[in-house]
Amino acid sequence: MNSRFLGTGVALVTPFKSDLSVDYDALKAIVEFNIENGVEYLVISGTTAESVTITKQEKEDITKAIIAINKGRVPLVLGIGGNNTAAVIEEIKCTDLSDIDAILSVSPYYTKPTQEGVYHHFKAISEACPIDIMLYNVPGRTSKNIEPDTIIRLANDFKNIIAVKEAGNSTYQYLQLLKNKPEDFLVISGDDDLALGVTLAGGSGVISVIGQAFPKEFSEMIRLGLKGDAKSAYKLHFRLMDGIDYIFEENNPAGIKAVFEALELCSAAVRLPLVQASDALKSKISEFVKQF
């Protein structure tokens, strides 16, 4: 079992200054805040990091900055994925992965490959990647589900495919994966609202958005879930519930950045085509943070 990735990972935001350049001071504050408050690992350059609107150079600089801040304290996962298999493999080959523990690779989006196409996409990535791989299934964004049978097939066929971040928001699909997966394969929730239930059912935890704003409480909730202490864990879940709804009400990561603004950790700035959370939503989020 890859115990490095048991518990709470957080999908870090990319904080921006008012001119939309990367705010490295805020990035340092957010990373330190999460490590000090007990998250198990950090995910760099996922969807929540606005990875589609940061440049190749910015991605390299952000990754180097997080490696330097982390100083080896927690495992690091780097997002490397896309809908051009050859380009994904080229990025893997050209990236220094010596301080990275695994890559998180999203299912091909927009092109809608068949399940066989998805299988061969990840087969090619597995054969090219020198470190562990987490699959990322998020059909709400890619428009194509990776069926449980395909995930299980990949898990059985390739030793370096160690996990799936499952974010289809389907309890049934989670249970199919948990029922049929190889023993050491990790099923990680990508749905903050379902994360505790998935963990209690035998999942390995979560890669969370809200967790980076409330790392102490969220990671404790998941640790309680891993121990099977549902009663204590759900007390924390109920405290976090409204906040989880709010951050996804309009757009991710505009919602979580509004939380960080309320916590005075970074600005709420996002890059187009995203826009900041509305004043009404910011007001609700600010009140939630105050009460929390």
C-alpha atoms as a PDB file:
ATOM      1  CA  MET A   1       0.000   0.000   0.000  1.00  0.00           C
ATOM      2  CA  ASN A   2       1.313   3.467  -0.971  1.00  0.00           C
ATOM      3  CA  SER A   3       0.854   4.903   2.513  1.00  0.00           C
ATOM      4  CA  ARG A   4       2.424   8.228   1.414  1.00  0.00           C
ATOM      5  CA  PHE A   5      -0.928   9.040  -0.164  1.00  0.00           C
ATOM      6  CA  LEU A   6      -3.244   7.889   2.617  1.00  0.00           C
ATOM      7  CA  GLY A   7      -5.199  10.795   4.061  1.00  0.00           C
ATOM      8  CA  THR A   8      -5.593  14.335   2.772  1.00  0.00           C
ATOM      9  CA  GLY A   9      -3.869  15.780  -0.250  1.00  0.00           C
ATOM     10  CA  VAL A  10      -4.762  19.318  -1.275  1.00  0.00           C
ATOM     11  CA  ALA A  11      -5.063  20.655  -4.827  1.00  0.00           C
ATOM     12  CA  LEU A  12      -3.191  23.918  -4.335  1.00  0.00           C
ATOM     13  CA  VAL A  13      -4.387  27.176  -5.881  1.00  0.00           C
ATOM     14  CA  THR A  14      -2.060  29.487  -7.794  1.00  0.00           C
ATOM     15  CA  PRO A  15      -2.368  32.828  -5.968  1.00  0.00           C
ATOM     16  CA  PHE A  16      -2.175  35.956  -8.131  1.00  0.00           C
ATOM     17  CA  LYS A  17      -1.395  39.612  -7.409  1.00  0.00           C
ATOM     18  CA  SER A  18      -3.762  42.326  -8.646  1.00  0.00           C
ATOM     19  CA  ASP A  19      -1.809  42.458 -11.948  1.00  0.00           C
ATOM     20  CA  LEU A  20      -2.390  38.670 -12.284  1.00  0.00           C
ATOM     21  CA  SER A  21       1.283  37.772 -11.885  1.00  0.00           C
ATOM     22  CA  VAL A  22       1.988  34.818  -9.582  1.00  0.00           C
ATOM     23  CA  ASP A  23       2.120  35.848  -5.910  1.00  0.00           C
ATOM     24  CA  TYR A  24       4.999  33.749  -4.540  1.00  0.00           C
ATOM     25  CA  ASP A  25       4.740  35.199  -1.015  1.00  0.00           C
ATOM     26  CA  ALA A  26       1.099  34.090  -0.815  1.00  0.00           C
ATOM     27  CA  LEU A  27       2.034  30.702  -2.278  1.00  0.00           C
ATOM     28  CA  LYS A  28       4.604  30.233   0.481  1.00  0.00           C
ATOM     29  CA  ALA A  29       2.039  31.215   3.143  1.00  0.00           C
ATOM     30  CA  ILE A  30      -0.535  28.729   1.784  1.00  0.00           C
ATOM     31  CA  VAL A  31       1.970  25.856   1.552  1.00  0.00           C
ATOM     32  CA  GLU A  32       3.269  26.483   5.087  1.00  0.00           C
ATOM     33  CA  PHE A  33      -0.293  26.806   6.419  1.00  0.00           C
ATOM     34  CA  ASN A  34      -1.178  23.394   4.986  1.00  0.00           C
ATOM     35  CA  ILE A  35       1.964  21.549   6.087  1.00  0.00           C
ATOM     36  CA  GLU A  36       1.829  22.999   9.599  1.00  0.00           C
ATOM     37  CA  ASN A  37      -1.834  22.001   9.923  1.00  0.00           C
ATOM     38  CA  GLY A  38      -1.323  18.358   9.046  1.00  0.00           C
ATOM     39  CA  VAL A  39      -2.181  17.639   5.409  1.00  0.00           C
ATOM     40  CA  GLU A  40      -0.478  14.479   4.190  1.00  0.00           C
ATOM     41  CA  TYR A  41       0.601  15.664   0.703  1.00  0.00           C
ATOM     42  CA  LEU A  42       0.393  18.533  -1.789  1.00  0.00           C
ATOM     43  CA  VAL A  43      -0.817  18.505  -5.387  1.00  0.00           C
ATOM     44  CA  ILE A  44       0.798  21.036  -7.735  1.00  0.00           C
ATOM     45  CA  SER A  45      -0.704  22.285 -10.992  1.00  0.00           C
ATOM     46  CA  GLY A  46      -4.074  20.550 -10.930  1.00  0.00           C
ATOM     47  CA  THR A  47      -7.298  22.088 -12.243  1.00  0.00           C
ATOM     48  CA  THR A  48      -7.646  24.182  -9.060  1.00  0.00           C
ATOM     49  CA  ALA A  49      -4.247  25.748  -9.817  1.00  0.00           C
ATOM     50  CA  GLU A  50      -5.689  27.222 -13.045  1.00  0.00           C
ATOM     51  CA  SER A  51      -3.141  25.079 -14.879  1.00  0.00           C
ATOM     52  CA  VAL A  52      -4.699  25.841 -18.281  1.00  0.00           C
ATOM     53  CA  THR A  53      -3.937  29.576 -17.962  1.00  0.00           C
ATOM     54  CA  ILE A  54      -0.441  29.438 -16.470  1.00  0.00           C
ATOM     55  CA  THR A  55       2.507  29.362 -18.866  1.00  0.00           C
ATOM     56  CA  LYS A  56       5.028  26.541 -19.154  1.00  0.00           C
ATOM     57  CA  GLN A  57       7.643  28.756 -17.477  1.00  0.00           C
ATOM     58  CA  GLU A  58       5.282  29.708 -14.653  1.00  0.00           C
ATOM     59  CA  LYS A  59       4.500  26.024 -14.059  1.00  0.00           C
ATOM     60  CA  GLU A  60       8.237  25.263 -13.769  1.00  0.00           C
ATOM     61  CA  ASP A  61       8.808  28.234 -11.447  1.00  0.00           C
ATOM     62  CA  ILE A  62       5.809  27.382  -9.227  1.00  0.00           C
ATOM     63  CA  THR A  63       6.922  23.748  -8.967  1.00  0.00           C
ATOM     64  CA  LYS A  64      10.478  24.771  -8.012  1.00  0.00           C
ATOM     65  CA  ALA A  65       9.127  27.235  -5.445  1.00  0.00           C
ATOM     66  CA  ILE A  66       6.908  24.625  -3.773  1.00  0.00           C
ATOM     67  CA  ILE A  67       9.759  22.071  -3.715  1.00  0.00           C
ATOM     68  CA  ALA A  68      11.978  24.688  -2.005  1.00  0.00           C
ATOM     69  CA  ILE A  69       9.297  25.649   0.546  1.00  0.00           C
ATOM     70  CA  ASN A  70       8.392  22.016   1.283  1.00  0.00           C
ATOM     71  CA  LYS A  71      11.997  20.906   1.963  1.00  0.00           C
ATOM     72  CA  GLY A  72      10.947  17.261   1.691  1.00  0.00           C
ATOM     73  CA  ARG A  73       8.438  17.453   4.545  1.00  0.00           C
ATOM     74  CA  VAL A  74       5.444  15.977   2.690  1.00  0.00           C
ATOM     75  CA  PRO A  75       5.088  14.073  -0.608  1.00  0.00           C
ATOM     76  CA  LEU A  76       4.466  16.130  -3.745  1.00  0.00           C
ATOM     77  CA  VAL A  77       2.227  15.229  -6.699  1.00  0.00           C
ATOM     78  CA  LEU A  78       2.530  17.126  -9.999  1.00  0.00           C
ATOM     79  CA  GLY A  79      -0.258  17.480 -12.550  1.00  0.00           C
ATOM     80  CA  ILE A  80       0.909  16.361 -16.003  1.00  0.00           C
ATOM     81  CA  GLY A  81      -1.942  15.440 -18.318  1.00  0.00           C
ATOM     82  CA  GLY A  82      -3.818  16.408 -21.440  1.00  0.00           C
ATOM     83  CA  ASN A  83      -5.581  15.243 -24.569  1.00  0.00           C
ATOM     84  CA  ASN A  84      -2.444  14.918 -26.717  1.00  0.00           C
ATOM     85  CA  THR A  85      -0.712  11.721 -25.595  1.00  0.00           C
ATOM     86  CA  ALA A  86       2.575  12.560 -27.337  1.00  0.00           C
ATOM     87  CA  ALA A  87       2.679  16.025 -25.720  1.00  0.00           C
ATOM     88  CA  VAL A  88       2.023  14.553 -22.244  1.00  0.00           C
ATOM     89  CA  ILE A  89       4.896  12.071 -22.740  1.00  0.00           C
ATOM     90  CA  GLU A  90       7.166  14.877 -23.970  1.00  0.00           C
ATOM     91  CA  GLU A  91       6.370  16.948 -20.853  1.00  0.00           C
ATOM     92  CA  ILE A  92       7.134  13.962 -18.599  1.00  0.00           C
ATOM     93  CA  LYS A  93      10.495  13.438 -20.348  1.00  0.00           C
ATOM     94  CA  CYS A  94      11.409  17.147 -20.138  1.00  0.00           C
ATOM     95  CA  THR A  95      10.404  17.626 -16.456  1.00  0.00           C
ATOM     96  CA  ASP A  96      12.790  17.118 -13.553  1.00  0.00           C
ATOM     97  CA  LEU A  97      10.799  14.688 -11.411  1.00  0.00           C
ATOM     98  CA  SER A  98      13.536  13.995  -8.850  1.00  0.00           C
ATOM     99  CA  ASP A  99      11.638  15.801  -6.051  1.00  0.00           C
ATOM    100  CA  ILE A 100       8.177  14.655  -7.179  1.00  0.00           C
ATOM    101  CA  ASP A 101       6.576  11.520  -5.719  1.00  0.00           C
ATOM    102  CA  ALA A 102       3.874  10.932  -8.340  1.00  0.00           C
ATOM    103  CA  ILE A 103       2.168  12.604 -11.274  1.00  0.00           C
ATOM    104  CA  LEU A 104      -1.592  13.216 -11.464  1.00  0.00           C
ATOM    105  CA  SER A 105      -2.726  12.698 -15.047  1.00  0.00           C
ATOM    106  CA  VAL A 106      -6.187  13.756 -16.137  1.00  0.00           C
ATOM    107  CA  SER A 107      -8.206  11.695 -18.588  1.00  0.00           C
ATOM    108  CA  PRO A 108      -8.130  13.120 -22.130  1.00  0.00           C
ATOM    109  CA  TYR A 109     -10.709  15.891 -22.460  1.00  0.00           C
ATOM    110  CA  TYR A 110     -12.739  17.334 -25.344  1.00  0.00           C
ATOM    111  CA  THR A 111     -11.760  14.636 -27.886  1.00  0.00           C
ATOM    112  CA  LYS A 112     -13.966  11.972 -26.216  1.00  0.00           C
ATOM    113  CA  PRO A 113     -11.829   8.855 -26.835  1.00  0.00           C
ATOM    114  CA  THR A 114     -13.340   5.396 -26.412  1.00  0.00           C
ATOM    115  CA  GLN A 115     -12.445   3.333 -23.324  1.00  0.00           C
ATOM    116  CA  GLU A 116      -9.833   1.561 -25.476  1.00  0.00           C
ATOM    117  CA  GLY A 117      -8.375   4.943 -26.438  1.00  0.00           C
ATOM    118  CA  VAL A 118      -8.218   5.972 -22.757  1.00  0.00           C
ATOM    119  CA  TYR A 119      -6.528   2.653 -21.906  1.00  0.00           C
ATOM    120  CA  HIS A 120      -3.839   3.107 -24.574  1.00  0.00           C
ATOM    121  CA  HIS A 121      -3.318   6.772 -23.623  1.00  0.00           C
ATOM    122  CA  PHE A 122      -2.462   5.772 -20.053  1.00  0.00           C
ATOM    123  CA  LYS A 123      -0.520   2.678 -21.191  1.00  0.00           C
ATOM    124  CA  ALA A 124       1.777   4.980 -23.194  1.00  0.00           C
ATOM    125  CA  ILE A 125       2.121   7.364 -20.236  1.00  0.00           C
ATOM    126  CA  SER A 126       2.871   4.495 -17.852  1.00  0.00           C
ATOM    127  CA  GLU A 127       5.632   3.187 -20.124  1.00  0.00           C
ATOM    128  CA  ALA A 128       7.210   6.664 -20.370  1.00  0.00           C
ATOM    129  CA  CYS A 129       6.884   7.761 -16.732  1.00  0.00           C
ATOM    130  CA  PRO A 130       9.733   6.970 -14.294  1.00  0.00           C
ATOM    131  CA  ILE A 131       7.603   7.604 -11.180  1.00  0.00           C
ATOM    132  CA  ASP A 132       4.171   6.627  -9.856  1.00  0.00           C
ATOM    133  CA  ILE A 133       0.997   7.753 -11.616  1.00  0.00           C
ATOM    134  CA  MET A 134      -2.409   8.733 -10.268  1.00  0.00           C
ATOM    135  CA  LEU A 135      -5.211   8.639 -12.821  1.00  0.00           C
ATOM    136  CA  TYR A 136      -7.632  11.569 -12.624  1.00  0.00           C
ATOM    137  CA  ASN A 137     -11.223  10.905 -13.651  1.00  0.00           C
ATOM    138  CA  VAL A 138     -13.339  14.059 -13.731  1.00  0.00           C
ATOM    139  CA  PRO A 139     -16.073  13.548 -16.357  1.00  0.00           C
ATOM    140  CA  GLY A 140     -17.805  16.824 -15.460  1.00  0.00           C
ATOM    141  CA  ARG A 141     -14.767  18.613 -16.926  1.00  0.00           C
ATOM    142  CA  THR A 142     -13.528  16.128 -19.547  1.00  0.00           C
ATOM    143  CA  SER A 143     -17.000  15.134 -20.855  1.00  0.00           C
ATOM    144  CA  LYS A 144     -15.952  11.453 -20.818  1.00  0.00           C
ATOM    145  CA  ASN A 145     -16.078   9.039 -17.885  1.00  0.00           C
ATOM    146  CA  ILE A 146     -13.296   6.502 -17.361  1.00  0.00           C
ATOM    147  CA  GLU A 147     -15.396   3.423 -16.677  1.00  0.00           C
ATOM    148  CA  PRO A 148     -14.490   1.419 -13.543  1.00  0.00           C
ATOM    149  CA  ASP A 149     -13.515  -1.590 -15.710  1.00  0.00           C
ATOM    150  CA  THR A 150     -10.942   0.555 -17.548  1.00  0.00           C
ATOM    151  CA  ILE A 151      -9.488   1.901 -14.296  1.00  0.00           C
ATOM    152  CA  ILE A 152      -9.240  -1.616 -12.833  1.00  0.00           C
ATOM    153  CA  ARG A 153      -7.653  -2.898 -16.070  1.00  0.00           C
ATOM    154  CA  LEU A 154      -5.003  -0.157 -15.929  1.00  0.00           C
ATOM    155  CA  ALA A 155      -4.408  -0.812 -12.214  1.00  0.00           C
ATOM    156  CA  ASN A 156      -3.839  -4.514 -12.884  1.00  0.00           C
ATOM    157  CA  ASP A 157      -1.672  -4.052 -15.977  1.00  0.00           C
ATOM    158  CA  PHE A 158       0.750  -1.299 -14.880  1.00  0.00           C
ATOM    159  CA  LYS A 159       2.598  -1.321 -11.557  1.00  0.00           C
ATOM    160  CA  ASN A 160       3.318   2.424 -11.582  1.00  0.00           C
ATOM    161  CA  ILE A 161      -0.420   3.265 -11.908  1.00  0.00           C
ATOM    162  CA  ILE A 162      -1.029   3.279  -8.161  1.00  0.00           C
ATOM    163  CA  ALA A 163      -4.209   5.312  -7.665  1.00  0.00           C
ATOM    164  CA  VAL A 164      -7.199   7.074  -9.132  1.00  0.00           C
ATOM    165  CA  LYS A 165      -8.458  10.467  -8.092  1.00  0.00           C
ATOM    166  CA  GLU A 166     -12.128   9.756  -8.782  1.00  0.00           C
ATOM    167  CA  ALA A 167     -14.253  12.877  -9.196  1.00  0.00           C
ATOM    168  CA  GLY A 168     -17.359  11.682 -10.999  1.00  0.00           C
ATOM    169  CA  ASN A 169     -19.568  12.508  -8.000  1.00  0.00           C
ATOM    170  CA  SER A 170     -21.080   9.010  -8.276  1.00  0.00           C
ATOM    171  CA  THR A 171     -21.284   6.948  -5.093  1.00  0.00           C
ATOM    172  CA  TYR A 172     -22.051   3.864  -7.187  1.00  0.00           C
ATOM    173  CA  GLN A 173     -18.862   4.285  -9.240  1.00  0.00           C
ATOM    174  CA  TYR A 174     -16.775   4.707  -6.071  1.00  0.00           C
ATOM    175  CA  LEU A 175     -18.250   1.495  -4.655  1.00  0.00           C
ATOM    176  CA  GLN A 176     -17.594  -0.403  -7.895  1.00  0.00           C
ATOM    177  CA  LEU A 177     -13.947   0.676  -7.751  1.00  0.00           C
ATOM    178  CA  LEU A 178     -13.587  -0.214  -4.071  1.00  0.00           C
ATOM    179  CA  LYS A 179     -15.205  -3.622  -4.648  1.00  0.00           C
ATOM    180  CA  ASN A 180     -13.054  -4.629  -7.627  1.00  0.00           C
ATOM    181  CA  LYS A 181      -9.699  -2.849  -7.247  1.00  0.00           C
ATOM    182  CA  PRO A 182      -6.376  -4.636  -6.632  1.00  0.00           C
ATOM    183  CA  GLU A 183      -5.518  -4.666  -2.909  1.00  0.00           C
ATOM    184  CA  ASP A 184      -2.745  -2.028  -3.064  1.00  0.00           C
ATOM    185  CA  PHE A 185      -4.524   0.325  -5.493  1.00  0.00           C
ATOM    186  CA  LEU A 186      -5.730   3.603  -3.950  1.00  0.00           C
ATOM    187  CA  VAL A 187      -9.192   5.033  -4.585  1.00  0.00           C
ATOM    188  CA  ILE A 188      -8.895   8.715  -3.674  1.00  0.00           C
ATOM    189  CA  SER A 189     -11.940  10.976  -3.559  1.00  0.00           C
ATOM    190  CA  GLY A 190     -11.872  14.067  -5.743  1.00  0.00           C
ATOM    191  CA  ASP A 191     -15.297  15.136  -4.450  1.00  0.00           C
ATOM    192  CA  ASP A 192     -15.082  17.086  -1.181  1.00  0.00           C
ATOM    193  CA  ASP A 193     -18.739  16.419  -0.370  1.00  0.00           C
ATOM    194  CA  LEU A 194     -18.360  12.621  -0.745  1.00  0.00           C
ATOM    195  CA  ALA A 195     -14.814  12.263   0.642  1.00  0.00           C
ATOM    196  CA  LEU A 196     -15.720  11.095   4.136  1.00  0.00           C
ATOM    197  CA  GLY A 197     -18.256   8.504   2.962  1.00  0.00           C
ATOM    198  CA  VAL A 198     -15.762   7.157   0.399  1.00  0.00           C
ATOM    199  CA  THR A 199     -13.030   6.940   3.053  1.00  0.00           C
ATOM    200  CA  LEU A 200     -15.343   5.100   5.465  1.00  0.00           C
ATOM    201  CA  ALA A 201     -16.229   2.646   2.672  1.00  0.00           C
ATOM    202  CA  GLY A 202     -12.551   1.744   2.199  1.00  0.00           C
ATOM    203  CA  GLY A 203     -11.153   4.642   0.178  1.00  0.00           C
ATOM    204  CA  SER A 204      -7.694   6.079   0.807  1.00  0.00           C
ATOM    205  CA  GLY A 205      -8.725   9.655   1.527  1.00  0.00           C
ATOM    206  CA  VAL A 206      -9.055  12.716  -0.655  1.00  0.00           C
ATOM    207  CA  ILE A 207      -7.404  15.259  -2.908  1.00  0.00           C
ATOM    208  CA  SER A 208      -9.348  18.246  -1.654  1.00  0.00           C
ATOM    209  CA  VAL A 209     -10.078  21.838  -2.631  1.00  0.00           C
ATOM    210  CA  ILE A 210     -11.680  23.039   0.635  1.00  0.00           C
ATOM    211  CA  GLY A 211      -9.051  21.163   2.651  1.00  0.00           C
ATOM    212  CA  GLN A 212      -6.369  23.755   1.857  1.00  0.00           C
ATOM    213  CA  ALA A 213      -8.426  26.476   3.566  1.00  0.00           C
ATOM    214  CA  PHE A 214      -9.313  24.369   6.629  1.00  0.00           C
ATOM    215  CA  PRO A 215      -6.417  21.891   6.653  1.00  0.00           C
ATOM    216  CA  LYS A 216      -6.472  21.070  10.347  1.00  0.00           C
ATOM    217  CA  GLU A 217     -10.165  20.170  10.485  1.00  0.00           C
ATOM    218  CA  PHE A 218     -10.414  18.536   7.074  1.00  0.00           C
ATOM    219  CA  SER A 219      -7.349  16.317   7.446  1.00  0.00           C
ATOM    220  CA  GLU A 220      -8.459  15.321  10.957  1.00  0.00           C
ATOM    221  CA  MET A 221     -11.887  14.387   9.557  1.00  0.00           C
ATOM    222  CA  ILE A 222     -10.268  12.104   6.969  1.00  0.00           C
ATOM    223  CA  ARG A 223      -7.904  10.547   9.533  1.00  0.00           C
ATOM    224  CA  LEU A 224     -10.941   9.740  11.703  1.00  0.00           C
ATOM    225  CA  GLY A 225     -12.604   8.239   8.626  1.00  0.00           C
ATOM    226  CA  LEU A 226      -9.574   6.039   7.944  1.00  0.00           C
ATOM    227  CA  LYS A 227      -9.843   4.791  11.548  1.00  0.00           C
ATOM    228  CA  GLY A 228     -13.568   4.080  11.055  1.00  0.00           C
ATOM    229  CA  ASP A 229     -14.655   6.649  13.643  1.00  0.00           C
ATOM    230  CA  ALA A 230     -17.697   7.826  11.692  1.00  0.00           C
ATOM    231  CA  LYS A 231     -19.396   9.633  14.585  1.00  0.00           C
ATOM    232  CA  SER A 232     -16.446  11.963  15.321  1.00  0.00           C
ATOM    233  CA  ALA A 233     -15.650  12.421  11.628  1.00  0.00           C
ATOM    234  CA  TYR A 234     -19.199  13.446  10.718  1.00  0.00           C
ATOM    235  CA  LYS A 235     -19.155  16.147  13.418  1.00  0.00           C
ATOM    236  CA  LEU A 236     -16.365  17.820  11.423  1.00  0.00           C
ATOM    237  CA  HIS A 237     -18.068  17.080   8.098  1.00  0.00           C
ATOM    238  CA  PHE A 238     -21.244  18.859   9.216  1.00  0.00           C
ATOM    239  CA  ARG A 239     -19.197  21.923  10.234  1.00  0.00           C
ATOM    240  CA  LEU A 240     -17.575  22.047   6.774  1.00  0.00           C
ATOM    241  CA  MET A 241     -20.651  21.215   4.684  1.00  0.00           C
ATOM    242  CA  ASP A 242     -21.901  24.725   3.886  1.00  0.00           C
ATOM    243  CA  GLY A 243     -18.386  25.868   3.004  1.00  0.00           C
ATOM    244  CA  ILE A 244     -18.016  22.992   0.533  1.00  0.00           C
ATOM    245  CA  ASP A 245     -21.293  23.991  -1.146  1.00  0.00           C
ATOM    246  CA  TYR A 246     -20.275  27.656  -1.331  1.00  0.00           C
ATOM    247  CA  ILE A 247     -16.868  27.143  -2.949  1.00  0.00           C
ATOM    248  CA  PHE A 248     -18.376  25.198  -5.862  1.00  0.00           C
ATOM    249  CA  GLU A 249     -21.493  27.375  -6.221  1.00  0.00           C
ATOM    250  CA  GLU A 250     -20.103  29.481  -9.078  1.00  0.00           C
ATOM    251  CA  ASN A 251     -16.707  28.185 -10.135  1.00  0.00           C
ATOM    252  CA  ASN A 252     -13.608  26.443  -8.870  1.00  0.00           C
ATOM    253  CA  PRO A 253     -11.148  28.018  -7.988  1.00  0.00           C
ATOM    254  CA  ALA A 254     -12.968  31.364  -7.694  1.00  0.00           C
ATOM    255  CA  GLY A 255     -14.795  30.017  -4.615  1.00  0.00           C
ATOM    256  CA  ILE A 256     -11.749  28.726  -2.746  1.00  0.00           C
ATOM    257  CA  LYS A 257      -9.846  31.927  -3.557  1.00  0.00           C
ATOM    258  CA  ALA A 258     -12.705  33.916  -1.989  1.00  0.00           C
ATOM    259  CA  VAL A 259     -12.176  31.788   1.151  1.00  0.00           C
ATOM    260  CA  PHE A 260      -8.446  32.582   1.092  1.00  0.00           C
ATOM    261  CA  GLU A 261      -9.263  36.287   0.695  1.00  0.00           C
ATOM    262  CA  ALA A 262     -11.483  36.064   3.789  1.00  0.00           C
ATOM    263  CA  LEU A 263      -8.627  34.293   5.620  1.00  0.00           C
ATOM    264  CA  GLU A 264      -6.230  37.018   4.371  1.00  0.00           C
ATOM    265  CA  LEU A 265      -3.902  34.433   2.821  1.00  0.00           C
ATOM    266  CA  CYS A 266      -4.179  35.594  -0.807  1.00  0.00           C
ATOM    267  CA  SER A 267      -6.294  37.725  -3.126  1.00  0.00           C
ATOM    268  CA  ALA A 268      -9.386  36.376  -4.879  1.00  0.00           C
ATOM    269  CA  ALA A 269      -7.888  37.184  -8.310  1.00  0.00           C
ATOM    270  CA  VAL A 270      -8.315  34.604 -11.102  1.00  0.00           C
ATOM    271  CA  ARG A 271      -7.309  34.690 -14.762  1.00  0.00           C
ATOM    272  CA  LEU A 272      -9.825  34.947 -17.605  1.00  0.00           C
ATOM    273  CA  PRO A 273     -12.004  33.270 -18.711  1.00  0.00           C
ATOM    274  CA  LEU A 274     -12.643  32.818 -14.968  1.00  0.00           C
ATOM    275  CA  VAL A 275     -13.912  35.771 -12.956  1.00  0.00           C
ATOM    276  CA  GLN A 276     -13.917  36.339  -9.206  1.00  0.00           C
ATOM    277  CA  ALA A 277     -16.782  35.102  -7.056  1.00  0.00           C
ATOM    278  CA  SER A 278     -19.758  37.476  -7.027  1.00  0.00           C
ATOM    279  CA  ASP A 279     -20.160  39.941  -4.147  1.00  0.00           C
ATOM    280  CA  ALA A 280     -23.142  37.922  -2.883  1.00  0.00           C
ATOM    281  CA  LEU A 281     -21.118  34.704  -2.760  1.00  0.00           C
ATOM    282  CA  LYS A 282     -18.103  36.463  -1.209  1.00  0.00           C
ATOM    283  CA  SER A 283     -20.389  37.778   1.510  1.00  0.00           C
ATOM    284  CA  LYS A 284     -21.701  34.266   2.291  1.00  0.00           C
ATOM    285  CA  ILE A 285     -18.162  32.857   2.279  1.00  0.00           C
ATOM    286  CA  SER A 286     -16.854  35.631   4.527  1.00  0.00           C
ATOM    287  CA  GLU A 287     -19.654  34.978   7.033  1.00  0.00           C
ATOM    288  CA  PHE A 288     -18.963  31.222   6.947  1.00  0.00           C
ATOM    289  CA  VAL A 289     -15.245  31.798   7.609  1.00  0.00           C
ATOM    290  CA  LYS A 290     -16.063  34.151  10.500  1.00  0.00           C
ATOM    291  CA  GLN A 291     -18.442  31.632  12.104  1.00  0.00           C
ATOM    292  CA  PHE A 292     -16.066  28.714  11.511  1.00  0.00           C
END
